[in-house]
N, C-alpha and C. Protein backbone atom coordinates (compact mmCIF):
# COMPACT_ATOMS: atom_id res chain seq x y z
N MET A 1 -16.60 11.85 6.07
CA MET A 1 -16.25 10.86 7.05
C MET A 1 -14.75 10.97 7.31
N LYS A 2 -14.35 11.11 8.56
CA LYS A 2 -12.95 11.25 8.92
C LYS A 2 -12.22 9.94 8.61
N ASN A 3 -10.98 10.07 8.04
CA ASN A 3 -10.15 8.91 7.70
C ASN A 3 -10.89 7.95 6.77
N ALA A 4 -11.61 8.50 5.80
CA ALA A 4 -12.38 7.66 4.88
C ALA A 4 -11.50 6.83 3.96
N LEU A 5 -10.30 7.30 3.69
CA LEU A 5 -9.36 6.54 2.89
C LEU A 5 -8.32 5.93 3.80
N GLY A 6 -7.76 4.82 3.38
CA GLY A 6 -6.71 4.18 4.14
C GLY A 6 -5.39 4.88 3.91
N GLN A 7 -4.33 4.11 3.94
CA GLN A 7 -3.00 4.68 3.74
C GLN A 7 -2.73 4.70 2.25
N ASN A 8 -2.32 5.85 1.72
CA ASN A 8 -2.13 6.03 0.29
C ASN A 8 -0.71 6.49 0.02
N VAL A 9 -0.22 6.24 -1.20
CA VAL A 9 1.12 6.68 -1.60
C VAL A 9 1.04 7.30 -2.99
N ALA A 10 1.97 8.17 -3.30
CA ALA A 10 2.01 8.80 -4.60
C ALA A 10 3.43 9.17 -4.97
N PHE A 11 3.78 9.05 -6.24
CA PHE A 11 5.10 9.45 -6.73
C PHE A 11 5.03 9.73 -8.21
N PHE A 12 5.99 10.53 -8.68
CA PHE A 12 6.08 10.88 -10.10
C PHE A 12 7.03 9.94 -10.79
N SER A 13 6.76 9.68 -12.08
CA SER A 13 7.67 8.88 -12.92
C SER A 13 7.84 9.56 -14.24
N GLU A 14 9.10 9.75 -14.60
CA GLU A 14 9.42 10.30 -15.92
C GLU A 14 9.72 9.15 -16.86
N LEU A 15 8.89 8.97 -17.88
CA LEU A 15 9.09 7.92 -18.87
C LEU A 15 9.28 8.57 -20.24
N ALA A 16 9.78 7.81 -21.18
CA ALA A 16 9.96 8.33 -22.54
C ALA A 16 8.63 8.86 -23.09
N SER A 17 7.51 8.28 -22.66
CA SER A 17 6.20 8.67 -23.17
C SER A 17 5.56 9.83 -22.39
N GLY A 18 6.26 10.36 -21.36
CA GLY A 18 5.72 11.50 -20.63
C GLY A 18 5.99 11.41 -19.14
N ARG A 19 5.38 12.37 -18.43
CA ARG A 19 5.49 12.44 -16.95
C ARG A 19 4.19 11.93 -16.38
N PHE A 20 4.30 11.05 -15.36
CA PHE A 20 3.13 10.42 -14.81
C PHE A 20 3.11 10.53 -13.29
N LEU A 21 1.92 10.63 -12.75
CA LEU A 21 1.71 10.55 -11.31
C LEU A 21 1.10 9.17 -11.07
N ILE A 22 1.77 8.38 -10.23
CA ILE A 22 1.28 7.05 -9.90
C ILE A 22 0.83 7.10 -8.43
N VAL A 23 -0.40 6.68 -8.23
CA VAL A 23 -1.01 6.77 -6.90
C VAL A 23 -1.46 5.38 -6.46
N GLY A 24 -1.02 4.97 -5.29
CA GLY A 24 -1.48 3.76 -4.66
C GLY A 24 -2.58 4.10 -3.68
N VAL A 25 -3.74 3.47 -3.84
CA VAL A 25 -4.91 3.82 -3.05
C VAL A 25 -5.40 2.63 -2.27
N GLU A 26 -5.58 2.83 -0.98
CA GLU A 26 -6.18 1.83 -0.12
C GLU A 26 -7.64 2.22 0.08
N LEU A 27 -8.54 1.38 -0.44
CA LEU A 27 -9.96 1.68 -0.39
C LEU A 27 -10.57 0.91 0.76
N PRO A 28 -11.17 1.62 1.71
CA PRO A 28 -11.74 0.92 2.88
C PRO A 28 -13.06 0.23 2.52
N ARG A 29 -13.16 -1.03 3.00
CA ARG A 29 -14.40 -1.77 2.91
C ARG A 29 -14.61 -2.39 4.30
N GLY A 30 -15.78 -2.70 4.61
CA GLY A 30 -16.03 -3.26 5.94
C GLY A 30 -15.92 -2.17 6.98
N GLY A 31 -15.54 -2.52 8.17
CA GLY A 31 -15.45 -1.53 9.26
C GLY A 31 -14.15 -1.67 9.99
N PRO A 32 -13.97 -0.87 11.07
CA PRO A 32 -12.73 -0.92 11.81
C PRO A 32 -12.50 -2.24 12.51
N ALA A 33 -13.52 -2.97 12.87
CA ALA A 33 -13.35 -4.24 13.56
C ALA A 33 -12.82 -5.32 12.65
N ILE A 34 -13.32 -5.37 11.42
CA ILE A 34 -12.91 -6.38 10.46
C ILE A 34 -12.57 -5.63 9.15
N SER A 35 -11.30 -5.38 8.95
CA SER A 35 -10.89 -4.65 7.75
C SER A 35 -10.94 -5.54 6.54
N GLU A 36 -11.56 -5.07 5.49
CA GLU A 36 -11.60 -5.76 4.22
C GLU A 36 -11.12 -4.77 3.12
N ASP A 37 -10.19 -3.90 3.48
CA ASP A 37 -9.69 -2.89 2.53
C ASP A 37 -9.07 -3.57 1.32
N VAL A 38 -9.11 -2.89 0.19
CA VAL A 38 -8.43 -3.33 -1.01
C VAL A 38 -7.48 -2.26 -1.47
N VAL A 39 -6.47 -2.67 -2.24
CA VAL A 39 -5.42 -1.78 -2.68
C VAL A 39 -5.29 -1.88 -4.19
N CYS A 40 -5.17 -0.73 -4.85
CA CYS A 40 -4.89 -0.71 -6.29
C CYS A 40 -4.05 0.56 -6.60
N PHE A 41 -3.51 0.58 -7.80
CA PHE A 41 -2.71 1.72 -8.25
C PHE A 41 -3.37 2.34 -9.45
N ARG A 42 -3.23 3.65 -9.56
CA ARG A 42 -3.80 4.41 -10.70
C ARG A 42 -2.69 5.28 -11.25
N ALA A 43 -2.69 5.48 -12.57
CA ALA A 43 -1.69 6.33 -13.22
C ALA A 43 -2.39 7.48 -13.94
N TYR A 44 -1.77 8.64 -13.84
CA TYR A 44 -2.27 9.87 -14.49
C TYR A 44 -1.12 10.50 -15.26
N ARG A 45 -1.40 10.95 -16.50
CA ARG A 45 -0.39 11.60 -17.34
C ARG A 45 -0.49 13.11 -17.14
N ALA A 46 0.68 13.76 -16.93
CA ALA A 46 0.73 15.20 -16.82
C ALA A 46 0.47 15.81 -18.20
N GLN A 47 -0.48 16.76 -18.24
CA GLN A 47 -0.79 17.48 -19.49
C GLN A 47 -0.98 18.93 -19.12
N GLY A 48 0.09 19.70 -19.25
CA GLY A 48 0.05 21.10 -18.83
C GLY A 48 -0.06 21.14 -17.31
N ASP A 49 -1.08 21.84 -16.81
CA ASP A 49 -1.27 21.95 -15.38
C ASP A 49 -2.31 20.97 -14.85
N ARG A 50 -2.61 19.94 -15.64
CA ARG A 50 -3.61 18.93 -15.26
C ARG A 50 -3.05 17.52 -15.38
N PHE A 51 -3.76 16.58 -14.79
CA PHE A 51 -3.41 15.18 -14.93
C PHE A 51 -4.61 14.44 -15.48
N THR A 52 -4.37 13.57 -16.48
CA THR A 52 -5.41 12.80 -17.12
C THR A 52 -5.26 11.32 -16.75
N PHE A 53 -6.36 10.70 -16.36
CA PHE A 53 -6.33 9.30 -16.00
C PHE A 53 -5.87 8.46 -17.19
N VAL A 54 -4.95 7.48 -16.92
CA VAL A 54 -4.45 6.61 -17.96
C VAL A 54 -4.82 5.12 -17.71
N ALA A 55 -4.56 4.66 -16.50
CA ALA A 55 -4.73 3.22 -16.24
C ALA A 55 -4.91 2.94 -14.76
N THR A 56 -5.45 1.79 -14.46
CA THR A 56 -5.54 1.31 -13.10
C THR A 56 -5.03 -0.13 -13.07
N SER A 57 -4.41 -0.49 -11.98
CA SER A 57 -3.92 -1.86 -11.79
C SER A 57 -5.07 -2.74 -11.31
N GLU A 58 -4.84 -4.04 -11.38
CA GLU A 58 -5.79 -4.93 -10.69
C GLU A 58 -5.65 -4.70 -9.20
N PHE A 59 -6.62 -5.17 -8.43
CA PHE A 59 -6.48 -5.08 -6.98
C PHE A 59 -5.33 -6.01 -6.56
N LEU A 60 -4.45 -5.51 -5.71
CA LEU A 60 -3.41 -6.34 -5.15
C LEU A 60 -4.05 -7.30 -4.15
N HIS A 61 -3.44 -8.45 -3.96
CA HIS A 61 -4.07 -9.42 -3.06
C HIS A 61 -2.97 -10.30 -2.44
N SER A 62 -3.41 -11.03 -1.44
CA SER A 62 -2.56 -11.98 -0.73
C SER A 62 -2.29 -13.15 -1.64
N SER A 63 -1.21 -13.89 -1.36
CA SER A 63 -0.98 -15.14 -2.11
C SER A 63 -1.91 -16.24 -1.61
N ASP A 64 -2.62 -15.99 -0.51
CA ASP A 64 -3.67 -16.89 -0.01
C ASP A 64 -4.93 -16.61 -0.81
N PRO A 65 -5.40 -17.59 -1.62
CA PRO A 65 -6.56 -17.32 -2.47
C PRO A 65 -7.86 -17.06 -1.68
N ASN A 66 -7.85 -17.33 -0.38
CA ASN A 66 -9.03 -17.10 0.42
C ASN A 66 -9.06 -15.69 1.04
N ASN A 67 -8.07 -14.86 0.72
CA ASN A 67 -8.04 -13.53 1.34
C ASN A 67 -7.58 -12.51 0.29
N ASP A 68 -8.48 -11.59 -0.05
CA ASP A 68 -8.10 -10.53 -0.99
C ASP A 68 -7.98 -9.17 -0.31
N ALA A 69 -8.22 -9.12 0.98
CA ALA A 69 -8.15 -7.84 1.69
C ALA A 69 -6.71 -7.53 2.06
N LEU A 70 -6.33 -6.25 1.97
CA LEU A 70 -5.01 -5.76 2.37
C LEU A 70 -5.22 -4.43 3.08
N THR A 71 -4.27 -4.10 3.95
CA THR A 71 -4.32 -2.83 4.66
C THR A 71 -2.90 -2.36 4.93
N SER A 72 -2.74 -1.12 5.36
CA SER A 72 -1.42 -0.55 5.69
C SER A 72 -0.49 -0.55 4.50
N LEU A 73 -0.93 -0.01 3.38
CA LEU A 73 -0.18 0.01 2.14
C LEU A 73 1.15 0.75 2.28
N GLN A 74 2.21 0.15 1.73
CA GLN A 74 3.52 0.76 1.61
C GLN A 74 3.92 0.59 0.15
N ALA A 75 4.67 1.53 -0.41
CA ALA A 75 5.18 1.38 -1.77
C ALA A 75 6.42 2.26 -1.93
N GLN A 76 7.30 1.78 -2.80
CA GLN A 76 8.50 2.55 -3.06
C GLN A 76 8.94 2.31 -4.50
N ARG A 77 9.33 3.38 -5.12
CA ARG A 77 9.85 3.32 -6.51
C ARG A 77 11.18 2.57 -6.50
N LEU A 78 11.39 1.74 -7.48
CA LEU A 78 12.65 0.99 -7.61
C LEU A 78 13.36 1.39 -8.90
N PRO A 79 14.67 1.22 -8.93
CA PRO A 79 15.42 1.53 -10.15
C PRO A 79 15.09 0.45 -11.20
N ALA A 80 14.42 0.81 -12.28
CA ALA A 80 14.03 -0.13 -13.31
C ALA A 80 15.20 -0.37 -14.27
N PRO A 81 15.59 -1.61 -14.49
CA PRO A 81 16.63 -1.90 -15.46
C PRO A 81 16.23 -1.65 -16.88
N THR A 82 14.95 -1.30 -17.08
CA THR A 82 14.44 -1.03 -18.45
C THR A 82 14.61 0.42 -18.84
N LEU A 83 15.45 1.15 -18.11
CA LEU A 83 15.73 2.56 -18.34
C LEU A 83 14.45 3.38 -18.33
N GLU A 84 14.16 4.13 -19.37
CA GLU A 84 13.03 5.04 -19.34
C GLU A 84 11.76 4.47 -19.94
N ARG A 85 11.74 3.18 -20.21
CA ARG A 85 10.54 2.57 -20.81
C ARG A 85 9.47 2.25 -19.78
N GLU A 86 9.87 1.97 -18.55
CA GLU A 86 8.92 1.58 -17.50
C GLU A 86 9.31 2.17 -16.18
N ALA A 87 8.30 2.38 -15.35
CA ALA A 87 8.52 2.71 -13.94
C ALA A 87 8.25 1.43 -13.15
N TRP A 88 9.18 1.05 -12.29
CA TRP A 88 9.01 -0.12 -11.43
C TRP A 88 8.82 0.35 -10.01
N PHE A 89 7.93 -0.31 -9.28
CA PHE A 89 7.78 0.00 -7.87
C PHE A 89 7.29 -1.23 -7.14
N LEU A 90 7.71 -1.31 -5.89
CA LEU A 90 7.32 -2.42 -5.02
C LEU A 90 6.23 -1.95 -4.11
N ALA A 91 5.17 -2.71 -4.01
CA ALA A 91 4.06 -2.43 -3.11
C ALA A 91 3.95 -3.59 -2.13
N TRP A 92 3.72 -3.26 -0.87
CA TRP A 92 3.50 -4.30 0.16
C TRP A 92 2.50 -3.80 1.15
N ALA A 93 1.73 -4.74 1.71
CA ALA A 93 0.66 -4.36 2.63
C ALA A 93 0.37 -5.56 3.54
N MET A 94 -0.26 -5.26 4.66
CA MET A 94 -0.61 -6.28 5.63
C MET A 94 -1.87 -7.04 5.18
N VAL A 95 -1.83 -8.36 5.42
CA VAL A 95 -3.00 -9.19 5.20
C VAL A 95 -3.72 -9.31 6.55
N PRO A 96 -4.85 -8.63 6.72
CA PRO A 96 -5.52 -8.67 8.01
C PRO A 96 -6.32 -9.97 8.17
N PRO A 97 -6.68 -10.36 9.32
CA PRO A 97 -6.27 -9.90 10.63
C PRO A 97 -5.26 -10.87 11.23
N ARG A 98 -4.14 -11.05 10.65
CA ARG A 98 -3.18 -12.05 11.05
C ARG A 98 -2.23 -11.52 12.12
N SER A 99 -1.77 -12.41 12.99
CA SER A 99 -0.78 -12.06 14.00
C SER A 99 0.16 -13.26 14.14
N PRO A 100 1.46 -13.08 14.05
CA PRO A 100 2.14 -11.84 13.72
C PRO A 100 1.82 -11.37 12.31
N TYR A 101 2.35 -10.20 11.94
CA TYR A 101 2.02 -9.56 10.68
C TYR A 101 2.31 -10.50 9.49
N THR A 102 1.33 -10.65 8.63
CA THR A 102 1.50 -11.32 7.36
C THR A 102 1.48 -10.23 6.29
N VAL A 103 2.47 -10.26 5.40
CA VAL A 103 2.64 -9.18 4.42
C VAL A 103 2.65 -9.74 3.01
N ALA A 104 1.84 -9.16 2.14
CA ALA A 104 1.82 -9.48 0.72
C ALA A 104 2.63 -8.45 -0.04
N MET A 105 3.37 -8.89 -1.07
CA MET A 105 4.23 -8.00 -1.85
C MET A 105 3.95 -8.21 -3.34
N ARG A 106 4.08 -7.13 -4.09
CA ARG A 106 4.02 -7.19 -5.54
C ARG A 106 5.00 -6.19 -6.15
N LEU A 107 5.76 -6.62 -7.13
CA LEU A 107 6.57 -5.71 -7.91
C LEU A 107 5.79 -5.40 -9.17
N LEU A 108 5.46 -4.14 -9.37
CA LEU A 108 4.66 -3.73 -10.51
C LEU A 108 5.48 -2.86 -11.46
N ALA A 109 5.10 -2.90 -12.72
CA ALA A 109 5.72 -2.06 -13.74
C ALA A 109 4.60 -1.27 -14.41
N PHE A 110 4.91 -0.02 -14.76
CA PHE A 110 3.97 0.82 -15.52
C PHE A 110 4.71 1.35 -16.73
N ASP A 111 4.18 1.10 -17.93
CA ASP A 111 4.88 1.49 -19.18
C ASP A 111 4.34 2.74 -19.83
N GLY A 112 3.50 3.49 -19.15
CA GLY A 112 2.87 4.65 -19.74
C GLY A 112 1.46 4.41 -20.20
N GLU A 113 1.08 3.11 -20.31
CA GLU A 113 -0.26 2.74 -20.73
C GLU A 113 -0.91 1.72 -19.82
N THR A 114 -0.16 0.74 -19.35
CA THR A 114 -0.74 -0.32 -18.53
C THR A 114 0.21 -0.70 -17.39
N PHE A 115 -0.40 -1.30 -16.37
CA PHE A 115 0.35 -1.90 -15.26
C PHE A 115 0.51 -3.39 -15.55
N ARG A 116 1.61 -3.95 -15.07
CA ARG A 116 1.76 -5.39 -15.10
C ARG A 116 2.52 -5.83 -13.85
N THR A 117 2.21 -7.03 -13.39
CA THR A 117 2.89 -7.58 -12.22
C THR A 117 4.13 -8.33 -12.68
N LEU A 118 5.30 -7.94 -12.15
CA LEU A 118 6.56 -8.58 -12.48
C LEU A 118 6.91 -9.69 -11.50
N TRP A 119 6.46 -9.56 -10.27
CA TRP A 119 6.87 -10.50 -9.21
C TRP A 119 5.78 -10.51 -8.15
N ALA A 120 5.37 -11.69 -7.79
CA ALA A 120 4.35 -11.86 -6.77
C ALA A 120 4.75 -13.02 -5.84
N PRO A 121 5.66 -12.77 -4.91
CA PRO A 121 6.13 -13.85 -4.03
C PRO A 121 5.05 -14.27 -3.04
N LYS A 122 5.25 -15.40 -2.39
CA LYS A 122 4.36 -15.82 -1.33
C LYS A 122 4.39 -14.80 -0.19
N ASP A 123 3.29 -14.66 0.50
CA ASP A 123 3.23 -13.77 1.66
C ASP A 123 4.31 -14.18 2.65
N VAL A 124 4.83 -13.18 3.38
CA VAL A 124 5.81 -13.46 4.43
C VAL A 124 5.25 -13.00 5.77
N VAL A 125 5.81 -13.55 6.83
CA VAL A 125 5.41 -13.14 8.18
C VAL A 125 6.57 -12.29 8.69
N SER A 126 6.23 -11.12 9.26
CA SER A 126 7.25 -10.14 9.60
C SER A 126 6.99 -9.52 10.97
N THR A 127 7.98 -8.80 11.49
CA THR A 127 7.81 -8.12 12.76
C THR A 127 6.94 -6.89 12.64
N SER A 128 6.93 -6.26 11.46
CA SER A 128 6.04 -5.13 11.18
C SER A 128 5.93 -4.95 9.69
N VAL A 129 4.92 -4.28 9.22
CA VAL A 129 4.74 -4.07 7.78
C VAL A 129 5.90 -3.21 7.24
N ALA A 130 6.24 -2.13 7.94
CA ALA A 130 7.27 -1.23 7.48
C ALA A 130 8.63 -1.88 7.38
N ASP A 131 8.95 -2.80 8.29
CA ASP A 131 10.27 -3.43 8.34
C ASP A 131 10.39 -4.64 7.40
N THR A 132 9.38 -4.98 6.65
CA THR A 132 9.40 -6.18 5.80
C THR A 132 10.37 -5.99 4.64
N VAL A 133 10.46 -4.79 4.09
CA VAL A 133 11.27 -4.55 2.88
C VAL A 133 12.27 -3.44 3.13
N SER A 134 13.49 -3.66 2.66
CA SER A 134 14.53 -2.62 2.63
C SER A 134 14.92 -2.45 1.19
N VAL A 135 14.76 -1.23 0.64
CA VAL A 135 15.10 -0.96 -0.75
C VAL A 135 16.56 -0.52 -0.82
N LEU A 136 17.28 -1.12 -1.76
CA LEU A 136 18.69 -0.86 -1.98
C LEU A 136 18.86 -0.17 -3.31
N PRO A 137 20.05 0.41 -3.60
CA PRO A 137 20.26 1.09 -4.89
C PRO A 137 19.99 0.21 -6.13
N SER A 138 20.27 -1.08 -6.02
CA SER A 138 20.06 -1.95 -7.19
C SER A 138 19.15 -3.15 -6.90
N GLY A 139 18.38 -3.06 -5.82
CA GLY A 139 17.52 -4.19 -5.50
C GLY A 139 16.75 -3.98 -4.21
N LEU A 140 16.56 -5.07 -3.48
CA LEU A 140 15.80 -4.99 -2.24
C LEU A 140 16.14 -6.18 -1.37
N THR A 141 15.81 -6.05 -0.10
CA THR A 141 15.94 -7.15 0.87
C THR A 141 14.60 -7.35 1.52
N VAL A 142 14.15 -8.61 1.58
CA VAL A 142 12.91 -8.97 2.26
C VAL A 142 13.29 -9.59 3.60
N ASN A 143 12.72 -9.05 4.68
CA ASN A 143 13.02 -9.47 6.06
C ASN A 143 11.80 -10.17 6.63
N ALA A 144 11.93 -11.44 6.96
CA ALA A 144 10.78 -12.22 7.45
C ALA A 144 11.16 -12.98 8.70
N LEU A 145 10.15 -13.31 9.50
CA LEU A 145 10.39 -14.15 10.66
C LEU A 145 10.67 -15.58 10.23
N PHE A 146 11.57 -16.24 10.93
CA PHE A 146 11.91 -17.63 10.59
C PHE A 146 11.86 -18.49 11.84
N ALA A 147 11.20 -19.62 11.75
CA ALA A 147 11.17 -20.59 12.83
C ALA A 147 11.46 -21.97 12.24
N ALA A 148 12.33 -22.72 12.87
CA ALA A 148 12.73 -24.03 12.39
C ALA A 148 11.52 -24.96 12.24
N ASP A 149 10.51 -24.81 13.11
CA ASP A 149 9.33 -25.67 13.03
C ASP A 149 8.26 -25.16 12.06
N GLY A 150 8.56 -24.03 11.39
CA GLY A 150 7.60 -23.47 10.43
C GLY A 150 6.52 -22.60 11.04
N ASN A 151 6.44 -22.52 12.36
CA ASN A 151 5.42 -21.71 13.02
C ASN A 151 6.02 -20.35 13.37
N ALA A 152 5.65 -19.33 12.61
CA ALA A 152 6.25 -17.99 12.79
C ALA A 152 6.04 -17.44 14.21
N ALA A 153 5.02 -17.91 14.92
CA ALA A 153 4.79 -17.43 16.27
C ALA A 153 5.96 -17.86 17.19
N HIS A 154 6.69 -18.89 16.80
CA HIS A 154 7.85 -19.37 17.57
C HIS A 154 9.17 -18.88 16.99
N ALA A 155 9.14 -17.85 16.14
CA ALA A 155 10.35 -17.41 15.43
C ALA A 155 11.44 -16.95 16.37
N THR A 156 12.60 -17.50 16.18
CA THR A 156 13.76 -17.11 16.96
C THR A 156 14.76 -16.36 16.08
N GLU A 157 14.51 -16.33 14.76
CA GLU A 157 15.43 -15.68 13.83
C GLU A 157 14.68 -14.86 12.81
N LEU A 158 15.39 -13.94 12.20
CA LEU A 158 14.88 -13.22 11.04
C LEU A 158 15.60 -13.78 9.80
N LEU A 159 14.87 -14.03 8.75
CA LEU A 159 15.45 -14.48 7.50
C LEU A 159 15.50 -13.27 6.56
N HIS A 160 16.67 -13.00 6.02
CA HIS A 160 16.86 -11.88 5.12
C HIS A 160 17.19 -12.44 3.73
N GLN A 161 16.40 -12.06 2.75
CA GLN A 161 16.63 -12.50 1.36
C GLN A 161 16.90 -11.27 0.50
N GLN A 162 18.07 -11.23 -0.08
CA GLN A 162 18.48 -10.07 -0.87
C GLN A 162 18.27 -10.38 -2.37
N TYR A 163 17.68 -9.43 -3.09
CA TYR A 163 17.39 -9.58 -4.49
C TYR A 163 18.03 -8.45 -5.30
N LEU A 164 18.56 -8.83 -6.46
CA LEU A 164 19.08 -7.89 -7.44
C LEU A 164 17.98 -7.70 -8.49
N LEU A 165 17.75 -6.46 -8.92
CA LEU A 165 16.76 -6.21 -9.95
C LEU A 165 17.41 -6.44 -11.31
N THR A 166 16.81 -7.32 -12.10
CA THR A 166 17.29 -7.59 -13.46
C THR A 166 16.16 -7.33 -14.43
N ILE A 167 16.45 -7.35 -15.69
CA ILE A 167 15.45 -7.13 -16.71
C ILE A 167 14.29 -8.12 -16.61
N ASP A 168 14.57 -9.31 -16.02
CA ASP A 168 13.56 -10.35 -15.87
C ASP A 168 12.86 -10.27 -14.50
N GLY A 169 13.19 -9.27 -13.70
CA GLY A 169 12.60 -9.16 -12.38
C GLY A 169 13.64 -9.44 -11.31
N PRO A 170 13.22 -9.57 -10.04
CA PRO A 170 14.16 -9.83 -8.95
C PRO A 170 14.79 -11.20 -9.01
N GLN A 171 16.10 -11.25 -8.82
CA GLN A 171 16.83 -12.51 -8.74
C GLN A 171 17.48 -12.56 -7.37
N GLN A 172 17.22 -13.61 -6.60
CA GLN A 172 17.79 -13.72 -5.26
C GLN A 172 19.29 -13.96 -5.37
N ILE A 173 20.06 -13.14 -4.62
CA ILE A 173 21.53 -13.26 -4.65
C ILE A 173 22.14 -13.63 -3.32
N ALA A 174 21.38 -13.48 -2.24
CA ALA A 174 21.90 -13.81 -0.93
C ALA A 174 20.77 -14.12 0.04
N GLU A 175 21.12 -14.87 1.08
CA GLU A 175 20.18 -15.19 2.14
C GLU A 175 20.96 -15.40 3.43
N TRP A 176 20.49 -14.82 4.54
CA TRP A 176 21.17 -15.01 5.83
C TRP A 176 20.14 -14.85 6.93
N ARG A 177 20.51 -15.31 8.11
CA ARG A 177 19.63 -15.21 9.28
C ARG A 177 20.32 -14.43 10.38
N THR A 178 19.51 -13.73 11.16
CA THR A 178 19.98 -13.00 12.36
C THR A 178 19.02 -13.32 13.49
N PRO A 179 19.44 -13.13 14.74
CA PRO A 179 18.52 -13.37 15.86
C PRO A 179 17.33 -12.42 15.83
N ASN A 180 16.18 -12.93 16.22
CA ASN A 180 14.96 -12.10 16.30
C ASN A 180 14.93 -11.48 17.70
N ARG A 181 15.14 -10.21 17.76
CA ARG A 181 15.19 -9.52 19.08
C ARG A 181 13.91 -8.82 19.39
């Protein structure tokens, strides 16, 4: 079946316990009219010229308990303050079928054996899935639509929240608004 898998991501992580391939997989469920895709991550340990399965994460989900479907997966490795003990990465994806875009985010850590969720903020409304997060050398910025009346469809500004990565997870260090163009 053409395009049987959704949008997937993969990257290598060098940890004290070995070299790992971490793969984010979007698994299609439902059909093109009503997407019910789910997203999870899997880790494989390099062993010679092969990779051996190690662990899988729980399915990522929206902060809305009534919606577990996600689509348009994005992920990026982050600089982990835990040095070589863990690989940290941020995953974000669209919560369908919302308009404007509603985006769920999770900061995950992989220690060579298991995945754990470090940060699971509330879903944000954004201009696009790709523009929701900007990764910085020591943290990240979340870019969301902002409306004084709370209705994102009336957003006249973008809210930017900058986070520093600490051993305890992201700590917000700045917030500012710009016009929504």
